[in-house]
Amino acid sequence: FLIGDFAEINFRESAAITIDSDNNQSSRNFQIKD
């Protein structure tokens, strides 16, 4: 995702990020990078 200088995400209710949704890997991860 290519976003400009600033990005803001607002969730009106609850939110979830699912990693390895098919549950077939042991090394999946979620990262925040510079």
All heavy atoms as atom14 arrays in JSON, in Angstrom:
{
  "sequence": "FLIGDFAEINFRESAAITIDSDNNQSSRNFQIKD",
  "atom14_mask": [
    [1, 1, 1, 1, 1, 1, 1, 1, 1, 1, 1, 0, 0, 0],
    [1, 1, 1, 1, 1, 1, 1, 1, 0, 0, 0, 0, 0, 0],
    [1, 1, 1, 1, 1, 1, 1, 1, 0, 0, 0, 0, 0, 0],
    [1, 1, 1, 1, 0, 0, 0, 0, 0, 0, 0, 0, 0, 0],
    [1, 1, 1, 1, 1, 1, 1, 1, 0, 0, 0, 0, 0, 0],
    [1, 1, 1, 1, 1, 1, 1, 1, 1, 1, 1, 0, 0, 0],
    [1, 1, 1, 1, 1, 0, 0, 0, 0, 0, 0, 0, 0, 0],
    [1, 1, 1, 1, 1, 1, 1, 1, 1, 0, 0, 0, 0, 0],
    [1, 1, 1, 1, 1, 1, 1, 1, 0, 0, 0, 0, 0, 0],
    [1, 1, 1, 1, 1, 1, 1, 1, 0, 0, 0, 0, 0, 0],
    [1, 1, 1, 1, 1, 1, 1, 1, 1, 1, 1, 0, 0, 0],
    [1, 1, 1, 1, 1, 1, 1, 1, 1, 1, 1, 0, 0, 0],
    [1, 1, 1, 1, 1, 1, 1, 1, 1, 0, 0, 0, 0, 0],
    [1, 1, 1, 1, 1, 1, 0, 0, 0, 0, 0, 0, 0, 0],
    [1, 1, 1, 1, 1, 0, 0, 0, 0, 0, 0, 0, 0, 0],
    [1, 1, 1, 1, 1, 0, 0, 0, 0, 0, 0, 0, 0, 0],
    [1, 1, 1, 1, 1, 1, 1, 1, 0, 0, 0, 0, 0, 0],
    [1, 1, 1, 1, 1, 1, 1, 0, 0, 0, 0, 0, 0, 0],
    [1, 1, 1, 1, 1, 1, 1, 1, 0, 0, 0, 0, 0, 0],
    [1, 1, 1, 1, 1, 1, 1, 1, 0, 0, 0, 0, 0, 0],
    [1, 1, 1, 1, 1, 1, 0, 0, 0, 0, 0, 0, 0, 0],
    [1, 1, 1, 1, 1, 1, 1, 1, 0, 0, 0, 0, 0, 0],
    [1, 1, 1, 1, 1, 1, 1, 1, 0, 0, 0, 0, 0, 0],
    [1, 1, 1, 1, 1, 1, 1, 1, 0, 0, 0, 0, 0, 0],
    [1, 1, 1, 1, 1, 1, 1, 1, 1, 0, 0, 0, 0, 0],
    [1, 1, 1, 1, 1, 1, 0, 0, 0, 0, 0, 0, 0, 0],
    [1, 1, 1, 1, 1, 1, 0, 0, 0, 0, 0, 0, 0, 0],
    [1, 1, 1, 1, 1, 1, 1, 1, 1, 1, 1, 0, 0, 0],
    [1, 1, 1, 1, 1, 1, 1, 1, 0, 0, 0, 0, 0, 0],
    [1, 1, 1, 1, 1, 1, 1, 1, 1, 1, 1, 0, 0, 0],
    [1, 1, 1, 1, 1, 1, 1, 1, 1, 0, 0, 0, 0, 0],
    [1, 1, 1, 1, 1, 1, 1, 1, 0, 0, 0, 0, 0, 0],
    [1, 1, 1, 1, 1, 1, 1, 1, 1, 0, 0, 0, 0, 0],
    [1, 1, 1, 1, 1, 1, 1, 1, 0, 0, 0, 0, 0, 0]
  ],
  "atom14_positions": [
    [[0.85, -1.18, 0.0], [0.0, 0.0, 0.0], [0.9, 1.24, 0.0], [1.72, 1.41, 0.9], [-0.9, 0.02, 1.24], [-1.9, -1.09, 1.29], [-1.62, -2.27, 1.96], [-3.12, -0.97, 0.64], [-2.54, -3.29, 2.01], [-4.05, -1.99, 0.69], [-3.76, -3.16, 1.37], [0.0, 0.0, 0.0], [0.0, 0.0, 0.0], [0.0, 0.0, 0.0]],
    [[0.77, 2.07, -0.98], [1.55, 3.29, -1.06], [0.68, 4.45, -0.59], [-0.32, 4.8, -1.22], [2.04, 3.52, -2.5], [2.91, 2.4, -3.09], [3.28, 2.73, -4.54], [4.15, 2.2, -2.24], [0.0, 0.0, 0.0], [0.0, 0.0, 0.0], [0.0, 0.0, 0.0], [0.0, 0.0, 0.0], [0.0, 0.0, 0.0], [0.0, 0.0, 0.0]],
    [[1.06, 5.05, 0.54], [0.28, 6.12, 1.15], [1.17, 7.34, 1.28], [2.39, 7.23, 1.39], [-0.26, 5.68, 2.53], [-1.08, 4.38, 2.38], [-1.13, 6.76, 3.16], [-1.54, 3.8, 3.69], [0.0, 0.0, 0.0], [0.0, 0.0, 0.0], [0.0, 0.0, 0.0], [0.0, 0.0, 0.0], [0.0, 0.0, 0.0], [0.0, 0.0, 0.0]],
    [[0.58, 8.52, 1.28], [1.33, 9.77, 1.38], [2.03, 9.95, 2.71], [2.34, 9.0, 3.43], [0.0, 0.0, 0.0], [0.0, 0.0, 0.0], [0.0, 0.0, 0.0], [0.0, 0.0, 0.0], [0.0, 0.0, 0.0], [0.0, 0.0, 0.0], [0.0, 0.0, 0.0], [0.0, 0.0, 0.0], [0.0, 0.0, 0.0], [0.0, 0.0, 0.0]],
    [[2.28, 11.22, 3.09], [3.06, 11.51, 4.28], [2.36, 11.12, 5.57], [3.01, 10.89, 6.6], [3.39, 13.01, 4.33], [4.3, 13.43, 3.18], [5.02, 12.55, 2.66], [4.28, 14.61, 2.82], [0.0, 0.0, 0.0], [0.0, 0.0, 0.0], [0.0, 0.0, 0.0], [0.0, 0.0, 0.0], [0.0, 0.0, 0.0], [0.0, 0.0, 0.0]],
    [[1.04, 11.03, 5.55], [0.31, 10.74, 6.78], [-0.9, 9.87, 6.47], [-1.58, 10.07, 5.48], [-0.15, 12.05, 7.44], [-1.0, 11.85, 8.68], [-0.41, 11.53, 9.88], [-2.38, 11.95, 8.61], [-1.18, 11.34, 11.02], [-3.16, 11.76, 9.74], [-2.55, 11.46, 10.96], [0.0, 0.0, 0.0], [0.0, 0.0, 0.0], [0.0, 0.0, 0.0]],
    [[-1.13, 8.89, 7.31], [-2.29, 8.02, 7.15], [-2.91, 7.76, 8.51], [-2.2, 7.59, 9.51], [-1.9, 6.71, 6.49], [0.0, 0.0, 0.0], [0.0, 0.0, 0.0], [0.0, 0.0, 0.0], [0.0, 0.0, 0.0], [0.0, 0.0, 0.0], [0.0, 0.0, 0.0], [0.0, 0.0, 0.0], [0.0, 0.0, 0.0], [0.0, 0.0, 0.0]],
    [[-4.19, 7.76, 8.57], [-4.91, 7.5, 9.82], [-6.06, 6.55, 9.53], [-6.81, 6.73, 8.57], [-5.45, 8.81, 10.4], [-6.21, 8.63, 11.7], [-6.66, 9.96, 12.29], [-6.0, 10.98, 12.01], [-7.67, 9.97, 13.02], [0.0, 0.0, 0.0], [0.0, 0.0, 0.0], [0.0, 0.0, 0.0], [0.0, 0.0, 0.0], [0.0, 0.0, 0.0]],
    [[-6.18, 5.52, 10.35], [-7.26, 4.55, 10.2], [-8.13, 4.61, 11.45], [-7.62, 4.45, 12.57], [-6.7, 3.13, 10.0], [-5.82, 3.07, 8.76], [-7.84, 2.12, 9.87], [-5.15, 1.73, 8.55], [0.0, 0.0, 0.0], [0.0, 0.0, 0.0], [0.0, 0.0, 0.0], [0.0, 0.0, 0.0], [0.0, 0.0, 0.0], [0.0, 0.0, 0.0]],
    [[-9.4, 4.84, 11.28], [-10.33, 4.9, 12.39], [-11.35, 3.77, 12.26], [-11.95, 3.59, 11.2], [-11.08, 6.25, 12.41], [-10.14, 7.41, 12.66], [-9.35, 7.39, 13.6], [-10.19, 8.42, 11.8], [0.0, 0.0, 0.0], [0.0, 0.0, 0.0], [0.0, 0.0, 0.0], [0.0, 0.0, 0.0], [0.0, 0.0, 0.0], [0.0, 0.0, 0.0]],
    [[-11.51, 3.01, 13.34], [-12.5, 1.94, 13.36], [-13.68, 2.37, 14.23], [-13.49, 2.71, 15.41], [-11.89, 0.65, 13.92], [-10.75, 0.11, 13.09], [-9.43, 0.38, 13.46], [-10.98, -0.63, 11.96], [-8.38, -0.11, 12.7], [-9.94, -1.13, 11.2], [-8.63, -0.86, 11.57], [0.0, 0.0, 0.0], [0.0, 0.0, 0.0], [0.0, 0.0, 0.0]],
    [[-14.86, 2.36, 13.69], [-16.04, 2.75, 14.45], [-16.36, 1.73, 15.54], [-16.89, 2.07, 16.6], [-17.25, 2.9, 13.52], [-17.09, 4.02, 12.5], [-18.3, 4.11, 11.6], [-19.51, 4.38, 12.36], [-20.73, 4.43, 11.81], [-20.87, 4.21, 10.51], [-21.78, 4.67, 12.55], [0.0, 0.0, 0.0], [0.0, 0.0, 0.0], [0.0, 0.0, 0.0]],
    [[-16.04, 0.47, 15.27], [-16.26, -0.59, 16.25], [-14.96, -1.37, 16.42], [-13.88, -0.82, 16.22], [-17.41, -1.5, 15.78], [-18.73, -0.77, 15.52], [-19.35, -0.2, 16.78], [-18.96, -0.63, 17.88], [-20.22, 0.68, 16.66], [0.0, 0.0, 0.0], [0.0, 0.0, 0.0], [0.0, 0.0, 0.0], [0.0, 0.0, 0.0], [0.0, 0.0, 0.0]],
    [[-15.03, -2.63, 16.75], [-13.84, -3.44, 16.93], [-13.2, -3.76, 15.59], [-13.84, -3.68, 14.54], [-14.21, -4.74, 17.66], [-15.18, -5.46, 16.93], [0.0, 0.0, 0.0], [0.0, 0.0, 0.0], [0.0, 0.0, 0.0], [0.0, 0.0, 0.0], [0.0, 0.0, 0.0], [0.0, 0.0, 0.0], [0.0, 0.0, 0.0], [0.0, 0.0, 0.0]],
    [[-11.91, -4.13, 15.63], [-11.17, -4.46, 14.42], [-10.22, -5.61, 14.71], [-9.81, -5.82, 15.85], [-10.4, -3.25, 13.91], [0.0, 0.0, 0.0], [0.0, 0.0, 0.0], [0.0, 0.0, 0.0], [0.0, 0.0, 0.0], [0.0, 0.0, 0.0], [0.0, 0.0, 0.0], [0.0, 0.0, 0.0], [0.0, 0.0, 0.0], [0.0, 0.0, 0.0]],
    [[-9.88, -6.38, 13.68], [-8.98, -7.51, 13.87], [-8.11, -7.68, 12.64], [-8.55, -7.42, 11.51], [-9.76, -8.78, 14.13], [0.0, 0.0, 0.0], [0.0, 0.0, 0.0], [0.0, 0.0, 0.0], [0.0, 0.0, 0.0], [0.0, 0.0, 0.0], [0.0, 0.0, 0.0], [0.0, 0.0, 0.0], [0.0, 0.0, 0.0], [0.0, 0.0, 0.0]],
    [[-6.87, -8.1, 12.84], [-5.97, -8.49, 11.77], [-5.63, -9.95, 11.99], [-5.13, -10.33, 13.05], [-4.69, -7.64, 11.75], [-5.02, -6.18, 11.47], [-3.71, -8.17, 10.71], [-3.8, -5.27, 11.54], [0.0, 0.0, 0.0], [0.0, 0.0, 0.0], [0.0, 0.0, 0.0], [0.0, 0.0, 0.0], [0.0, 0.0, 0.0], [0.0, 0.0, 0.0]],
    [[-5.94, -10.8, 11.01], [-5.71, -12.24, 11.14], [-4.44, -12.61, 10.38], [-4.28, -12.28, 9.2], [-6.89, -13.05, 10.58], [-8.07, -12.68, 11.3], [-6.65, -14.54, 10.74], [0.0, 0.0, 0.0], [0.0, 0.0, 0.0], [0.0, 0.0, 0.0], [0.0, 0.0, 0.0], [0.0, 0.0, 0.0], [0.0, 0.0, 0.0], [0.0, 0.0, 0.0]],
    [[-3.51, -13.28, 11.09], [-2.26, -13.74, 10.49], [-2.34, -15.25, 10.31], [-2.73, -15.97, 11.23], [-1.06, -13.37, 11.39], [-1.03, -11.86, 11.63], [0.25, -13.83, 10.77], [-0.03, -11.44, 12.67], [0.0, 0.0, 0.0], [0.0, 0.0, 0.0], [0.0, 0.0, 0.0], [0.0, 0.0, 0.0], [0.0, 0.0, 0.0], [0.0, 0.0, 0.0]],
    [[-1.98, -15.72, 9.11], [-2.05, -17.15, 8.8], [-3.46, -17.67, 9.04], [-3.69, -18.58, 9.83], [-1.04, -17.93, 9.64], [-0.92, -19.39, 9.19], [-1.27, -19.67, 8.03], [-0.49, -20.23, 10.01], [0.0, 0.0, 0.0], [0.0, 0.0, 0.0], [0.0, 0.0, 0.0], [0.0, 0.0, 0.0], [0.0, 0.0, 0.0], [0.0, 0.0, 0.0]],
    [[-4.43, -17.1, 8.3], [-5.83, -17.44, 8.52], [-6.13, -18.91, 8.22], [-7.07, -19.48, 8.77], [-6.73, -16.54, 7.66], [-6.44, -16.72, 6.28], [0.0, 0.0, 0.0], [0.0, 0.0, 0.0], [0.0, 0.0, 0.0], [0.0, 0.0, 0.0], [0.0, 0.0, 0.0], [0.0, 0.0, 0.0], [0.0, 0.0, 0.0], [0.0, 0.0, 0.0]],
    [[-5.33, -19.54, 7.33], [-5.56, -20.96, 7.04], [-4.79, -21.87, 7.99], [-4.86, -23.09, 7.89], [-5.22, -21.3, 5.58], [-3.82, -20.84, 5.2], [-3.1, -20.36, 6.09], [-3.48, -20.95, 4.01], [0.0, 0.0, 0.0], [0.0, 0.0, 0.0], [0.0, 0.0, 0.0], [0.0, 0.0, 0.0], [0.0, 0.0, 0.0], [0.0, 0.0, 0.0]],
    [[-4.0, -21.26, 8.9], [-3.32, -21.98, 9.98], [-2.44, -23.12, 9.47], [-2.41, -24.21, 10.03], [-4.36, -22.54, 10.97], [-3.75, -22.88, 12.31], [-2.78, -22.25, 12.74], [-4.3, -23.88, 13.0], [0.0, 0.0, 0.0], [0.0, 0.0, 0.0], [0.0, 0.0, 0.0], [0.0, 0.0, 0.0], [0.0, 0.0, 0.0], [0.0, 0.0, 0.0]],
    [[-1.7, -22.85, 8.39], [-0.86, -23.91, 7.83], [0.62, -23.55, 7.86], [1.44, -24.21, 7.25], [-1.29, -24.22, 6.4], [-1.04, -23.05, 5.45], [-0.73, -21.94, 5.9], [-1.21, -23.28, 4.15], [0.0, 0.0, 0.0], [0.0, 0.0, 0.0], [0.0, 0.0, 0.0], [0.0, 0.0, 0.0], [0.0, 0.0, 0.0], [0.0, 0.0, 0.0]],
    [[0.96, -22.46, 8.56], [2.36, -22.06, 8.66], [2.69, -21.8, 10.13], [1.82, -21.51, 10.95], [2.62, -20.78, 7.85], [2.36, -20.93, 6.36], [3.42, -21.76, 5.67], [4.53, -21.91, 6.17], [3.07, -22.31, 4.51], [0.0, 0.0, 0.0], [0.0, 0.0, 0.0], [0.0, 0.0, 0.0], [0.0, 0.0, 0.0], [0.0, 0.0, 0.0]],
    [[3.98, -21.88, 10.46], [4.41, -21.66, 11.85], [5.28, -20.43, 12.0], [5.76, -20.14, 13.09], [5.18, -22.89, 12.37], [6.32, -23.13, 11.54], [0.0, 0.0, 0.0], [0.0, 0.0, 0.0], [0.0, 0.0, 0.0], [0.0, 0.0, 0.0], [0.0, 0.0, 0.0], [0.0, 0.0, 0.0], [0.0, 0.0, 0.0], [0.0, 0.0, 0.0]],
    [[5.5, -19.71, 10.89], [6.42, -18.57, 10.96], [5.81, -17.3, 10.38], [6.54, -16.38, 10.02], [7.72, -18.9, 10.23], [7.44, -19.18, 8.86], [0.0, 0.0, 0.0], [0.0, 0.0, 0.0], [0.0, 0.0, 0.0], [0.0, 0.0, 0.0], [0.0, 0.0, 0.0], [0.0, 0.0, 0.0], [0.0, 0.0, 0.0], [0.0, 0.0, 0.0]],
    [[4.48, -17.22, 10.31], [3.85, -16.01, 9.8], [3.88, -14.93, 10.86], [3.82, -15.22, 12.07], [2.39, -16.29, 9.37], [2.25, -17.31, 8.26], [3.05, -16.92, 7.04], [2.76, -17.76, 5.9], [3.51, -17.84, 4.82], [4.62, -17.12, 4.74], [3.18, -18.62, 3.82], [0.0, 0.0, 0.0], [0.0, 0.0, 0.0], [0.0, 0.0, 0.0]],
    [[3.94, -13.68, 10.42], [4.02, -12.6, 11.4], [3.49, -11.3, 10.82], [3.33, -11.17, 9.6], [5.46, -12.41, 11.9], [6.4, -12.04, 10.77], [6.45, -10.89, 10.32], [7.17, -13.03, 10.28], [0.0, 0.0, 0.0], [0.0, 0.0, 0.0], [0.0, 0.0, 0.0], [0.0, 0.0, 0.0], [0.0, 0.0, 0.0], [0.0, 0.0, 0.0]],
    [[3.23, -10.38, 11.72], [2.79, -9.03, 11.36], [3.87, -8.07, 11.83], [4.31, -8.12, 12.97], [1.45, -8.71, 12.03], [1.03, -7.27, 11.86], [0.5, -6.83, 10.67], [1.19, -6.37, 12.9], [0.12, -5.51, 10.51], [0.82, -5.04, 12.75], [0.28, -4.61, 11.55], [0.0, 0.0, 0.0], [0.0, 0.0, 0.0], [0.0, 0.0, 0.0]],
    [[4.31, -7.17, 10.92], [5.4, -6.26, 11.25], [5.05, -4.81, 10.95], [4.3, -4.54, 10.0], [6.67, -6.63, 10.47], [7.25, -7.99, 10.81], [8.59, -8.22, 10.11], [9.45, -7.34, 10.12], [8.75, -9.39, 9.52], [0.0, 0.0, 0.0], [0.0, 0.0, 0.0], [0.0, 0.0, 0.0], [0.0, 0.0, 0.0], [0.0, 0.0, 0.0]],
    [[5.61, -3.93, 11.74], [5.61, -2.51, 11.45], [7.06, -2.12, 11.19], [7.94, -2.38, 12.03], [5.04, -1.68, 12.62], [3.58, -2.06, 12.85], [5.17, -0.19, 12.32], [2.96, -1.35, 14.04], [0.0, 0.0, 0.0], [0.0, 0.0, 0.0], [0.0, 0.0, 0.0], [0.0, 0.0, 0.0], [0.0, 0.0, 0.0], [0.0, 0.0, 0.0]],
    [[7.32, -1.54, 9.99], [8.69, -1.22, 9.6], [8.87, 0.27, 9.38], [7.9, 0.99, 9.13], [9.07, -1.98, 8.32], [9.07, -3.49, 8.45], [9.49, -4.17, 7.16], [9.55, -5.68, 7.3], [9.99, -6.35, 6.05], [0.0, 0.0, 0.0], [0.0, 0.0, 0.0], [0.0, 0.0, 0.0], [0.0, 0.0, 0.0], [0.0, 0.0, 0.0]],
    [[10.13, 0.71, 9.44], [10.41, 2.1, 9.13], [10.7, 2.25, 7.63], [10.58, 1.29, 6.87], [11.59, 2.63, 9.97], [12.89, 1.86, 9.7], [12.98, 1.16, 8.68], [13.82, 1.99, 10.53], [0.0, 0.0, 0.0], [0.0, 0.0, 0.0], [0.0, 0.0, 0.0], [0.0, 0.0, 0.0], [0.0, 0.0, 0.0], [0.0, 0.0, 0.0]]
  ]
}
